Amino acid sequence: QVQLVESGGGLVQAGGSLKLACTASGISGMINHMAWYRQAPGKEREMVARITPGGSTDYADSVKGRFTISRDNAKTAAYLQMTSLKPTDTAVYYCWMYYWGRDHWGQGTQVTVSS
């Protein structure tokens, strides 16, 4: 059974940094697309950053230049380095992975940015 576990969320002041981690288990050596999404209260879930098996990345306009997505060599973990955080970045952040034709989601980690 595929499981994604996020960590690294928390409370930070505006201008600060956080690094989120997503660890995948139950997969067997296949290279997968991974991404980070977020959902703020009263808003729809939105893509923040994604990374292909080949390492190509894509970002939402709102986070370009501030967030960096990466993955480890074994392709079983993804990271989201967030800098220059703003109160508008406050949301639950979810890890996503596409594996064997299905979408898989983590349980989410809360990021709160105070002004």
PDB file of N, CA and C in Angstrom:
ATOM      1  N   GLN A   1       0.849  -1.192   0.000  1.00  0.00           N
ATOM      2  CA  GLN A   1       0.000   0.000   0.000  1.00  0.00           C
ATOM      3  C   GLN A   1       0.884   1.241   0.000  1.00  0.00           C
ATOM      4  N   VAL A   2       0.594   2.156  -0.935  1.00  0.00           N
ATOM      5  CA  VAL A   2       1.384   3.374  -1.035  1.00  0.00           C
ATOM      6  C   VAL A   2       0.976   4.345   0.067  1.00  0.00           C
ATOM      7  N   GLN A   3       1.965   4.898   0.721  1.00  0.00           N
ATOM      8  CA  GLN A   3       1.716   5.919   1.740  1.00  0.00           C
ATOM      9  C   GLN A   3       2.670   7.084   1.531  1.00  0.00           C
ATOM     10  N   LEU A   4       2.149   8.284   1.684  1.00  0.00           N
ATOM     11  CA  LEU A   4       2.947   9.506   1.631  1.00  0.00           C
ATOM     12  C   LEU A   4       2.807  10.195   2.978  1.00  0.00           C
ATOM     13  N   VAL A   5       3.934  10.543   3.561  1.00  0.00           N
ATOM     14  CA  VAL A   5       3.927  11.192   4.870  1.00  0.00           C
ATOM     15  C   VAL A   5       4.681  12.508   4.766  1.00  0.00           C
ATOM     16  N   GLU A   6       3.987  13.603   5.069  1.00  0.00           N
ATOM     17  CA  GLU A   6       4.608  14.927   5.053  1.00  0.00           C
ATOM     18  C   GLU A   6       5.098  15.302   6.444  1.00  0.00           C
ATOM     19  N   SER A   7       6.107  16.135   6.462  1.00  0.00           N
ATOM     20  CA  SER A   7       6.614  16.675   7.720  1.00  0.00           C
ATOM     21  C   SER A   7       7.230  18.036   7.443  1.00  0.00           C
ATOM     22  N   GLY A   8       7.471  18.794   8.525  1.00  0.00           N
ATOM     23  CA  GLY A   8       8.182  20.054   8.386  1.00  0.00           C
ATOM     24  C   GLY A   8       7.323  21.299   8.473  1.00  0.00           C
ATOM     25  N   GLY A   9       6.016  21.127   8.573  1.00  0.00           N
ATOM     26  CA  GLY A   9       5.159  22.300   8.685  1.00  0.00           C
ATOM     27  C   GLY A   9       5.295  22.940  10.054  1.00  0.00           C
ATOM     28  N   GLY A  10       4.666  24.108  10.204  1.00  0.00           N
ATOM     29  CA  GLY A  10       4.713  24.786  11.480  1.00  0.00           C
ATOM     30  C   GLY A  10       4.343  26.240  11.365  1.00  0.00           C
ATOM     31  N   LEU A  11       4.650  26.974  12.418  1.00  0.00           N
ATOM     32  CA  LEU A  11       4.363  28.412  12.489  1.00  0.00           C
ATOM     33  C   LEU A  11       5.657  29.186  12.273  1.00  0.00           C
ATOM     34  N   VAL A  12       5.611  30.160  11.377  1.00  0.00           N
ATOM     35  CA  VAL A  12       6.802  30.951  11.083  1.00  0.00           C
ATOM     36  C   VAL A  12       6.376  32.388  10.831  1.00  0.00           C
ATOM     37  N   GLN A  13       7.263  33.325  11.115  1.00  0.00           N
ATOM     38  CA  GLN A  13       6.961  34.727  10.855  1.00  0.00           C
ATOM     39  C   GLN A  13       7.163  35.054   9.378  1.00  0.00           C
ATOM     40  N   ALA A  14       6.466  36.063   8.919  1.00  0.00           N
ATOM     41  CA  ALA A  14       6.631  36.499   7.540  1.00  0.00           C
ATOM     42  C   ALA A  14       8.111  36.798   7.266  1.00  0.00           C
ATOM     43  N   GLY A  15       8.559  36.352   6.100  1.00  0.00           N
ATOM     44  CA  GLY A  15       9.959  36.490   5.733  1.00  0.00           C
ATOM     45  C   GLY A  15      10.812  35.304   6.106  1.00  0.00           C
ATOM     46  N   GLY A  16      10.257  34.406   6.884  1.00  0.00           N
ATOM     47  CA  GLY A  16      10.999  33.238   7.324  1.00  0.00           C
ATOM     48  C   GLY A  16      10.996  32.105   6.306  1.00  0.00           C
ATOM     49  N   SER A  17      11.561  30.978   6.717  1.00  0.00           N
ATOM     50  CA  SER A  17      11.702  29.821   5.835  1.00  0.00           C
ATOM     51  C   SER A  17      11.250  28.546   6.529  1.00  0.00           C
ATOM     52  N   LEU A  18      10.815  27.608   5.727  1.00  0.00           N
ATOM     53  CA  LEU A  18      10.485  26.259   6.184  1.00  0.00           C
ATOM     54  C   LEU A  18      10.854  25.290   5.073  1.00  0.00           C
ATOM     55  N   LYS A  19      11.150  24.062   5.467  1.00  0.00           N
ATOM     56  CA  LYS A  19      11.382  23.017   4.473  1.00  0.00           C
ATOM     57  C   LYS A  19      10.469  21.849   4.777  1.00  0.00           C
ATOM     58  N   LEU A  20       9.620  21.527   3.823  1.00  0.00           N
ATOM     59  CA  LEU A  20       8.720  20.396   3.946  1.00  0.00           C
ATOM     60  C   LEU A  20       9.360  19.157   3.327  1.00  0.00           C
ATOM     61  N   ALA A  21       9.043  18.018   3.900  1.00  0.00           N
ATOM     62  CA  ALA A  21       9.525  16.743   3.367  1.00  0.00           C
ATOM     63  C   ALA A  21       8.342  15.800   3.166  1.00  0.00           C
ATOM     64  N   CYS A  22       8.432  14.997   2.137  1.00  0.00           N
ATOM     65  CA  CYS A  22       7.413  13.989   1.841  1.00  0.00           C
ATOM     66  C   CYS A  22       8.131  12.680   1.587  1.00  0.00           C
ATOM     67  N   THR A  23       7.828  11.698   2.405  1.00  0.00           N
ATOM     68  CA  THR A  23       8.464  10.392   2.269  1.00  0.00           C
ATOM     69  C   THR A  23       7.436   9.376   1.785  1.00  0.00           C
ATOM     70  N   ALA A  24       7.791   8.656   0.740  1.00  0.00           N
ATOM     71  CA  ALA A  24       6.881   7.663   0.174  1.00  0.00           C
ATOM     72  C   ALA A  24       7.308   6.261   0.586  1.00  0.00           C
ATOM     73  N   SER A  25       6.340   5.431   0.879  1.00  0.00           N
ATOM     74  CA  SER A  25       6.601   4.022   1.166  1.00  0.00           C
ATOM     75  C   SER A  25       5.614   3.168   0.365  1.00  0.00           C
ATOM     76  N   GLY A  26       5.951   1.899   0.236  1.00  0.00           N
ATOM     77  CA  GLY A  26       5.071   1.011  -0.502  1.00  0.00           C
ATOM     78  C   GLY A  26       5.230   1.097  -2.001  1.00  0.00           C
ATOM     79  N   ILE A  27       6.327   1.731  -2.465  1.00  0.00           N
ATOM     80  CA  ILE A  27       6.590   1.780  -3.893  1.00  0.00           C
ATOM     81  C   ILE A  27       7.852   0.981  -4.171  1.00  0.00           C
ATOM     82  N   SER A  28       8.009   0.597  -5.424  1.00  0.00           N
ATOM     83  CA  SER A  28       9.111  -0.310  -5.735  1.00  0.00           C
ATOM     84  C   SER A  28       9.956   0.228  -6.868  1.00  0.00           C
ATOM     85  N   GLY A  29      10.781   1.180  -6.541  1.00  0.00           N
ATOM     86  CA  GLY A  29      11.855   1.587  -7.429  1.00  0.00           C
ATOM     87  C   GLY A  29      11.449   2.273  -8.707  1.00  0.00           C
ATOM     88  N   MET A  30      10.169   2.613  -8.879  1.00  0.00           N
ATOM     89  CA  MET A  30       9.780   3.300 -10.102  1.00  0.00           C
ATOM     90  C   MET A  30       9.906   4.803  -9.937  1.00  0.00           C
ATOM     91  N   ILE A  31      10.252   5.439 -10.998  1.00  0.00           N
ATOM     92  CA  ILE A  31      10.368   6.887 -10.970  1.00  0.00           C
ATOM     93  C   ILE A  31       8.984   7.486 -11.149  1.00  0.00           C
ATOM     94  N   ASN A  32       8.620   8.386 -10.270  1.00  0.00           N
ATOM     95  CA  ASN A  32       7.274   8.917 -10.248  1.00  0.00           C
ATOM     96  C   ASN A  32       7.248  10.436 -10.308  1.00  0.00           C
ATOM     97  N   HIS A  33       6.161  10.957 -10.877  1.00  0.00           N
ATOM     98  CA  HIS A  33       5.904  12.388 -10.795  1.00  0.00           C
ATOM     99  C   HIS A  33       5.488  12.714  -9.363  1.00  0.00           C
ATOM    100  N   MET A  34       6.010  13.797  -8.827  1.00  0.00           N
ATOM    101  CA  MET A  34       5.641  14.230  -7.495  1.00  0.00           C
ATOM    102  C   MET A  34       5.369  15.721  -7.506  1.00  0.00           C
ATOM    103  N   ALA A  35       4.585  16.160  -6.534  1.00  0.00           N
ATOM    104  CA  ALA A  35       4.225  17.572  -6.488  1.00  0.00           C
ATOM    105  C   ALA A  35       3.797  17.948  -5.077  1.00  0.00           C
ATOM    106  N   TRP A  36       3.761  19.230  -4.853  1.00  0.00           N
ATOM    107  CA  TRP A  36       3.199  19.801  -3.631  1.00  0.00           C
ATOM    108  C   TRP A  36       1.992  20.654  -4.019  1.00  0.00           C
ATOM    109  N   TYR A  37       0.917  20.462  -3.293  1.00  0.00           N
ATOM    110  CA  TYR A  37      -0.286  21.277  -3.424  1.00  0.00           C
ATOM    111  C   TYR A  37      -0.549  21.947  -2.076  1.00  0.00           C
ATOM    112  N   ARG A  38      -1.416  22.936  -2.094  1.00  0.00           N
ATOM    113  CA  ARG A  38      -1.831  23.554  -0.835  1.00  0.00           C
ATOM    114  C   ARG A  38      -3.296  23.958  -0.914  1.00  0.00           C
ATOM    115  N   GLN A  39      -3.901  24.024   0.259  1.00  0.00           N
ATOM    116  CA  GLN A  39      -5.290  24.437   0.341  1.00  0.00           C
ATOM    117  C   GLN A  39      -5.461  25.353   1.541  1.00  0.00           C
ATOM    118  N   ALA A  40      -5.829  26.577   1.257  1.00  0.00           N
ATOM    119  CA  ALA A  40      -6.108  27.549   2.309  1.00  0.00           C
ATOM    120  C   ALA A  40      -7.583  27.482   2.674  1.00  0.00           C
ATOM    121  N   PRO A  41      -7.947  27.931   3.864  1.00  0.00           N
ATOM    122  CA  PRO A  41      -9.355  27.892   4.279  1.00  0.00           C
ATOM    123  C   PRO A  41     -10.260  28.615   3.287  1.00  0.00           C
ATOM    124  N   GLY A  42     -11.318  27.934   2.875  1.00  0.00           N
ATOM    125  CA  GLY A  42     -12.280  28.537   1.964  1.00  0.00           C
ATOM    126  C   GLY A  42     -11.842  28.607   0.524  1.00  0.00           C
ATOM    127  N   LYS A  43     -10.687  28.013   0.214  1.00  0.00           N
ATOM    128  CA  LYS A  43     -10.176  28.060  -1.158  1.00  0.00           C
ATOM    129  C   LYS A  43      -9.981  26.654  -1.696  1.00  0.00           C
ATOM    130  N   GLU A  44      -9.885  26.561  -3.027  1.00  0.00           N
ATOM    131  CA  GLU A  44      -9.647  25.261  -3.652  1.00  0.00           C
ATOM    132  C   GLU A  44      -8.168  24.879  -3.517  1.00  0.00           C
ATOM    133  N   ARG A  45      -7.930  23.587  -3.598  1.00  0.00           N
ATOM    134  CA  ARG A  45      -6.558  23.102  -3.572  1.00  0.00           C
ATOM    135  C   ARG A  45      -5.855  23.541  -4.852  1.00  0.00           C
ATOM    136  N   GLU A  46      -4.616  24.000  -4.715  1.00  0.00           N
ATOM    137  CA  GLU A  46      -3.869  24.474  -5.869  1.00  0.00           C
ATOM    138  C   GLU A  46      -2.478  23.856  -5.912  1.00  0.00           C
ATOM    139  N   MET A  47      -1.978  23.686  -7.128  1.00  0.00           N
ATOM    140  CA  MET A  47      -0.629  23.166  -7.294  1.00  0.00           C
ATOM    141  C   MET A  47       0.367  24.251  -6.940  1.00  0.00           C
ATOM    142  N   VAL A  48       1.359  23.894  -6.159  1.00  0.00           N
ATOM    143  CA  VAL A  48       2.419  24.824  -5.768  1.00  0.00           C
ATOM    144  C   VAL A  48       3.682  24.584  -6.578  1.00  0.00           C
ATOM    145  N   ALA A  49       4.088  23.318  -6.653  1.00  0.00           N
ATOM    146  CA  ALA A  49       5.311  22.970  -7.371  1.00  0.00           C
ATOM    147  C   ALA A  49       5.247  21.499  -7.749  1.00  0.00           C
ATOM    148  N   ARG A  50       5.849  21.159  -8.885  1.00  0.00           N
ATOM    149  CA  ARG A  50       5.879  19.764  -9.307  1.00  0.00           C
ATOM    150  C   ARG A  50       7.220  19.439  -9.930  1.00  0.00           C
ATOM    151  N   ILE A  51       7.562  18.152  -9.889  1.00  0.00           N
ATOM    152  CA  ILE A  51       8.845  17.709 -10.412  1.00  0.00           C
ATOM    153  C   ILE A  51       8.633  16.408 -11.160  1.00  0.00           C
ATOM    154  N   THR A  52       9.206  16.332 -12.350  1.00  0.00           N
ATOM    155  CA  THR A  52       9.043  15.144 -13.188  1.00  0.00           C
ATOM    156  C   THR A  52      10.087  14.100 -12.815  1.00  0.00           C
ATOM    157  N   PRO A  53       9.936  12.879 -13.328  1.00  0.00           N
ATOM    158  CA  PRO A  53      10.960  11.867 -13.083  1.00  0.00           C
ATOM    159  C   PRO A  53      12.337  12.309 -13.569  1.00  0.00           C
ATOM    160  N   GLY A  54      12.371  13.134 -14.603  1.00  0.00           N
ATOM    161  CA  GLY A  54      13.648  13.596 -15.119  1.00  0.00           C
ATOM    162  C   GLY A  54      14.214  14.787 -14.382  1.00  0.00           C
ATOM    163  N   GLY A  55      13.439  15.313 -13.408  1.00  0.00           N
ATOM    164  CA  GLY A  55      13.928  16.419 -12.610  1.00  0.00           C
ATOM    165  C   GLY A  55      13.477  17.794 -13.063  1.00  0.00           C
ATOM    166  N   SER A  56      12.672  17.867 -14.112  1.00  0.00           N
ATOM    167  CA  SER A  56      12.142  19.161 -14.532  1.00  0.00           C
ATOM    168  C   SER A  56      11.127  19.647 -13.510  1.00  0.00           C
ATOM    169  N   THR A  57      11.111  20.961 -13.307  1.00  0.00           N
ATOM    170  CA  THR A  57      10.239  21.535 -12.283  1.00  0.00           C
ATOM    171  C   THR A  57       9.322  22.598 -12.859  1.00  0.00           C
ATOM    172  N   ASP A  58       8.244  22.819 -12.151  1.00  0.00           N
ATOM    173  CA  ASP A  58       7.268  23.832 -12.539  1.00  0.00           C
ATOM    174  C   ASP A  58       6.680  24.394 -11.260  1.00  0.00           C
ATOM    175  N   TYR A  59       6.395  25.711 -11.270  1.00  0.00           N
ATOM    176  CA  TYR A  59       5.913  26.377 -10.064  1.00  0.00           C
ATOM    177  C   TYR A  59       4.707  27.254 -10.345  1.00  0.00           C
ATOM    178  N   ALA A  60       3.873  27.405  -9.340  1.00  0.00           N
ATOM    179  CA  ALA A  60       2.810  28.399  -9.424  1.00  0.00           C
ATOM    180  C   ALA A  60       3.453  29.783  -9.455  1.00  0.00           C
ATOM    181  N   ASP A  61       2.836  30.696 -10.174  1.00  0.00           N
ATOM    182  CA  ASP A  61       3.400  32.046 -10.286  1.00  0.00           C
ATOM    183  C   ASP A  61       3.596  32.685  -8.915  1.00  0.00           C
ATOM    184  N   SER A  62       2.708  32.379  -7.988  1.00  0.00           N
ATOM    185  CA  SER A  62       2.748  33.022  -6.677  1.00  0.00           C
ATOM    186  C   SER A  62       3.952  32.626  -5.834  1.00  0.00           C
ATOM    187  N   VAL A  63       4.631  31.542  -6.207  1.00  0.00           N
ATOM    188  CA  VAL A  63       5.768  31.075  -5.399  1.00  0.00           C
ATOM    189  C   VAL A  63       7.082  31.064  -6.165  1.00  0.00           C
ATOM    190  N   LYS A  64       7.049  31.404  -7.439  1.00  0.00           N
ATOM    191  CA  LYS A  64       8.290  31.392  -8.236  1.00  0.00           C
ATOM    192  C   LYS A  64       9.331  32.302  -7.619  1.00  0.00           C
ATOM    193  N   GLY A  65      10.544  31.785  -7.535  1.00  0.00           N
ATOM    194  CA  GLY A  65      11.635  32.553  -6.956  1.00  0.00           C
ATOM    195  C   GLY A  65      11.720  32.442  -5.448  1.00  0.00           C
ATOM    196  N   ARG A  66      10.710  31.875  -4.813  1.00  0.00           N
ATOM    197  CA  ARG A  66      10.715  31.735  -3.353  1.00  0.00           C
ATOM    198  C   ARG A  66      10.735  30.281  -2.910  1.00  0.00           C
ATOM    199  N   PHE A  67      10.096  29.407  -3.656  1.00  0.00           N
ATOM    200  CA  PHE A  67      10.006  27.981  -3.307  1.00  0.00           C
ATOM    201  C   PHE A  67      10.846  27.158  -4.274  1.00  0.00           C
ATOM    202  N   THR A  68      11.394  26.067  -3.750  1.00  0.00           N
ATOM    203  CA  THR A  68      12.170  25.140  -4.580  1.00  0.00           C
ATOM    204  C   THR A  68      11.773  23.713  -4.247  1.00  0.00           C
ATOM    205  N   ILE A  69      11.378  22.974  -5.273  1.00  0.00           N
ATOM    206  CA  ILE A  69      11.053  21.561  -5.086  1.00  0.00           C
ATOM    207  C   ILE A  69      12.251  20.723  -5.485  1.00  0.00           C
ATOM    208  N   SER A  70      12.461  19.642  -4.774  1.00  0.00           N
ATOM    209  CA  SER A  70      13.562  18.734  -5.101  1.00  0.00           C
ATOM    210  C   SER A  70      13.153  17.322  -4.695  1.00  0.00           C
ATOM    211  N   ARG A  71      13.965  16.355  -5.120  1.00  0.00           N
ATOM    212  CA  ARG A  71      13.695  14.972  -4.746  1.00  0.00           C
ATOM    213  C   ARG A  71      15.021  14.269  -4.506  1.00  0.00           C
ATOM    214  N   ASP A  72      14.975  13.179  -3.780  1.00  0.00           N
ATOM    215  CA  ASP A  72      16.239  12.495  -3.494  1.00  0.00           C
ATOM    216  C   ASP A  72      16.568  11.543  -4.622  1.00  0.00           C
ATOM    217  N   ASN A  73      17.768  11.022  -4.620  1.00  0.00           N
ATOM    218  CA  ASN A  73      18.224  10.183  -5.723  1.00  0.00           C
ATOM    219  C   ASN A  73      17.440   8.893  -5.852  1.00  0.00           C
ATOM    220  N   ALA A  74      16.954   8.391  -4.757  1.00  0.00           N
ATOM    221  CA  ALA A  74      16.184   7.149  -4.803  1.00  0.00           C
ATOM    222  C   ALA A  74      14.758   7.377  -5.278  1.00  0.00           C
ATOM    223  N   LYS A  75      14.400   8.640  -5.484  1.00  0.00           N
ATOM    224  CA  LYS A  75      13.078   9.014  -5.994  1.00  0.00           C
ATOM    225  C   LYS A  75      11.954   8.581  -5.071  1.00  0.00           C
ATOM    226  N   THR A  76      12.274   8.447  -3.776  1.00  0.00           N
ATOM    227  CA  THR A  76      11.206   8.088  -2.853  1.00  0.00           C
ATOM    228  C   THR A  76      10.839   9.214  -1.899  1.00  0.00           C
ATOM    229  N   ALA A  77      11.438  10.380  -2.066  1.00  0.00           N
ATOM    230  CA  ALA A  77      11.114  11.521  -1.211  1.00  0.00           C
ATOM    231  C   ALA A  77      11.158  12.799  -2.033  1.00  0.00           C
ATOM    232  N   ALA A  78      10.329  13.736  -1.638  1.00  0.00           N
ATOM    233  CA  ALA A  78      10.311  15.048  -2.271  1.00  0.00           C
ATOM    234  C   ALA A  78      10.370  16.101  -1.174  1.00  0.00           C
ATOM    235  N   TYR A  79      10.923  17.244  -1.524  1.00  0.00           N
ATOM    236  CA  TYR A  79      11.095  18.313  -0.559  1.00  0.00           C
ATOM    237  C   TYR A  79      10.579  19.620  -1.150  1.00  0.00           C
ATOM    238  N   LEU A  80      10.177  20.516  -0.263  1.00  0.00           N
ATOM    239  CA  LEU A  80       9.776  21.849  -0.693  1.00  0.00           C
ATOM    240  C   LEU A  80      10.443  22.858   0.232  1.00  0.00           C
ATOM    241  N   GLN A  81      11.462  23.528  -0.296  1.00  0.00           N
ATOM    242  CA  GLN A  81      12.124  24.583   0.453  1.00  0.00           C
ATOM    243  C   GLN A  81      11.359  25.877   0.208  1.00  0.00           C
ATOM    244  N   MET A  82      10.871  26.467   1.280  1.00  0.00           N
ATOM    245  CA  MET A  82      10.066  27.690   1.166  1.00  0.00           C
ATOM    246  C   MET A  82      10.808  28.829   1.854  1.00  0.00           C
ATOM    247  N   THR A  83      11.040  29.902   1.137  1.00  0.00           N
ATOM    248  CA  THR A  83      11.709  31.072   1.689  1.00  0.00           C
ATOM    249  C   THR A  83      10.846  32.314   1.475  1.00  0.00           C
ATOM    250  N   SER A  84      11.203  33.380   2.154  1.00  0.00           N
ATOM    251  CA  SER A  84      10.469  34.646   2.042  1.00  0.00           C
ATOM    252  C   SER A  84       8.971  34.413   2.182  1.00  0.00           C
ATOM    253  N   LEU A  85       8.607  33.654   3.184  1.00  0.00           N
ATOM    254  CA  LEU A  85       7.206  33.275   3.352  1.00  0.00           C
ATOM    255  C   LEU A  85       6.336  34.484   3.646  1.00  0.00           C
ATOM    256  N   LYS A  86       5.113  34.412   3.132  1.00  0.00           N
ATOM    257  CA  LYS A  86       4.129  35.472   3.304  1.00  0.00           C
ATOM    258  C   LYS A  86       2.892  34.921   4.016  1.00  0.00           C
ATOM    259  N   PRO A  87       2.130  35.782   4.671  1.00  0.00           N
ATOM    260  CA  PRO A  87       0.885  35.306   5.292  1.00  0.00           C
ATOM    261  C   PRO A  87      -0.037  34.604   4.302  1.00  0.00           C
ATOM    262  N   THR A  88       0.025  35.005   3.030  1.00  0.00           N
ATOM    263  CA  THR A  88      -0.815  34.360   2.015  1.00  0.00           C
ATOM    264  C   THR A  88      -0.358  32.946   1.679  1.00  0.00           C
ATOM    265  N   ASP A  89       0.797  32.528   2.190  1.00  0.00           N
ATOM    266  CA  ASP A  89       1.247  31.143   2.008  1.00  0.00           C
ATOM    267  C   ASP A  89       0.643  30.210   3.050  1.00  0.00           C
ATOM    268  N   THR A  90      -0.080  30.750   4.006  1.00  0.00           N
ATOM    269  CA  THR A  90      -0.709  29.940   5.031  1.00  0.00           C
ATOM    270  C   THR A  90      -1.712  28.979   4.414  1.00  0.00           C
ATOM    271  N   ALA A  91      -1.537  27.691   4.691  1.00  0.00           N
ATOM    272  CA  ALA A  91      -2.388  26.663   4.100  1.00  0.00           C
ATOM    273  C   ALA A  91      -1.977  25.305   4.643  1.00  0.00           C
ATOM    274  N   VAL A  92      -2.777  24.298   4.330  1.00  0.00           N
ATOM    275  CA  VAL A  92      -2.352  22.922   4.521  1.00  0.00           C
ATOM    276  C   VAL A  92      -1.657  22.497   3.236  1.00  0.00           C
ATOM    277  N   TYR A  93      -0.447  21.988   3.362  1.00  0.00           N
ATOM    278  CA  TYR A  93       0.350  21.568   2.218  1.00  0.00           C
ATOM    279  C   TYR A  93       0.286  20.050   2.095  1.00  0.00           C
ATOM    280  N   TYR A  94      -0.015  19.592   0.871  1.00  0.00           N
ATOM    281  CA  TYR A  94      -0.172  18.174   0.594  1.00  0.00           C
ATOM    282  C   TYR A  94       0.868  17.706  -0.417  1.00  0.00           C
ATOM    283  N   CYS A  95       1.382  16.539  -0.160  1.00  0.00           N
ATOM    284  CA  CYS A  95       2.267  15.879  -1.117  1.00  0.00           C
ATOM    285  C   CYS A  95       1.423  15.016  -2.037  1.00  0.00           C
ATOM    286  N   TRP A  96       1.784  14.976  -3.316  1.00  0.00           N
ATOM    287  CA  TRP A  96       1.072  14.176  -4.317  1.00  0.00           C
ATOM    288  C   TRP A  96       2.086  13.374  -5.111  1.00  0.00           C
ATOM    289  N   MET A  97       1.706  12.164  -5.459  1.00  0.00           N
ATOM    290  CA  MET A  97       2.542  11.322  -6.309  1.00  0.00           C
ATOM    291  C   MET A  97       1.658  10.544  -7.275  1.00  0.00           C
ATOM    292  N   TYR A  98       2.116  10.436  -8.505  1.00  0.00           N
ATOM    293  CA  TYR A  98       1.412   9.640  -9.514  1.00  0.00           C
ATOM    294  C   TYR A  98       2.153   8.324  -9.655  1.00  0.00           C
ATOM    295  N   TYR A  99       1.446   7.231  -9.403  1.00  0.00           N
ATOM    296  CA  TYR A  99       2.110   5.920  -9.358  1.00  0.00           C
ATOM    297  C   TYR A  99       1.157   4.871  -9.885  1.00  0.00           C
ATOM    298  N   TRP A 100       1.601   4.154 -10.886  1.00  0.00           N
ATOM    299  CA  TRP A 100       0.814   3.081 -11.476  1.00  0.00           C
ATOM    300  C   TRP A 100      -0.602   3.529 -11.836  1.00  0.00           C
ATOM    301  N   GLY A 101      -0.682   4.706 -12.454  1.00  0.00           N
ATOM    302  CA  GLY A 101      -1.959   5.167 -12.975  1.00  0.00           C
ATOM    303  C   GLY A 101      -2.905   5.752 -11.960  1.00  0.00           C
ATOM    304  N   ARG A 102      -2.414   5.994 -10.741  1.00  0.00           N
ATOM    305  CA  ARG A 102      -3.304   6.525  -9.702  1.00  0.00           C
ATOM    306  C   ARG A 102      -2.668   7.723  -9.009  1.00  0.00           C
ATOM    307  N   ASP A 103      -3.532   8.600  -8.517  1.00  0.00           N
ATOM    308  CA  ASP A 103      -3.095   9.708  -7.691  1.00  0.00           C
ATOM    309  C   ASP A 103      -3.012   9.257  -6.236  1.00  0.00           C
ATOM    310  N   HIS A 104      -1.940   9.646  -5.578  1.00  0.00           N
ATOM    311  CA  HIS A 104      -1.781   9.341  -4.163  1.00  0.00           C
ATOM    312  C   HIS A 104      -1.507  10.649  -3.421  1.00  0.00           C
ATOM    313  N   TRP A 105      -2.120  10.798  -2.257  1.00  0.00           N
ATOM    314  CA  TRP A 105      -2.001  12.019  -1.463  1.00  0.00           C
ATOM    315  C   TRP A 105      -1.548  11.714  -0.048  1.00  0.00           C
ATOM    316  N   GLY A 106      -0.788  12.640   0.498  1.00  0.00           N
ATOM    317  CA  GLY A 106      -0.458  12.564   1.904  1.00  0.00           C
ATOM    318  C   GLY A 106      -1.573  13.171   2.734  1.00  0.00           C
ATOM    319  N   GLN A 107      -1.379  13.157   4.045  1.00  0.00           N
ATOM    320  CA  GLN A 107      -2.420  13.637   4.939  1.00  0.00           C
ATOM    321  C   GLN A 107      -2.375  15.151   5.110  1.00  0.00           C
ATOM    322  N   GLY A 108      -1.291  15.769   4.691  1.00  0.00           N
ATOM    323  CA  GLY A 108      -1.166  17.217   4.767  1.00  0.00           C
ATOM    324  C   GLY A 108      -0.413  17.671   5.998  1.00  0.00           C
ATOM    325  N   THR A 109       0.240  18.823   5.866  1.00  0.00           N
ATOM    326  CA  THR A 109       0.932  19.436   6.993  1.00  0.00           C
ATOM    327  C   THR A 109       0.608  20.935   6.980  1.00  0.00           C
ATOM    328  N   GLN A 110       0.313  21.467   8.147  1.00  0.00           N
ATOM    329  CA  GLN A 110      -0.121  22.862   8.250  1.00  0.00           C
ATOM    330  C   GLN A 110       1.083  23.797   8.241  1.00  0.00           C
ATOM    331  N   VAL A 111       1.003  24.814   7.424  1.00  0.00           N
ATOM    332  CA  VAL A 111       1.978  25.900   7.414  1.00  0.00           C
ATOM    333  C   VAL A 111       1.223  27.187   7.728  1.00  0.00           C
ATOM    334  N   THR A 112       1.661  27.867   8.771  1.00  0.00           N
ATOM    335  CA  THR A 112       1.040  29.128   9.170  1.00  0.00           C
ATOM    336  C   THR A 112       2.106  30.218   9.202  1.00  0.00           C
ATOM    337  N   VAL A 113       1.858  31.283   8.467  1.00  0.00           N
ATOM    338  CA  VAL A 113       2.805  32.396   8.397  1.00  0.00           C
ATOM    339  C   VAL A 113       2.154  33.604   9.053  1.00  0.00           C
ATOM    340  N   SER A 114       2.765  34.085  10.114  1.00  0.00           N
ATOM    341  CA  SER A 114       2.214  35.228  10.840  1.00  0.00           C
ATOM    342  C   SER A 114       2.813  36.529  10.325  1.00  0.00           C
ATOM    343  N   SER A 115       2.026  37.571  10.375  1.00  0.00           N
ATOM    344  CA  SER A 115       2.495  38.877   9.880  1.00  0.00           C
ATOM    345  C   SER A 115       3.167  39.682  10.973  1.00  0.00           C
TER     346      SER A 115
END
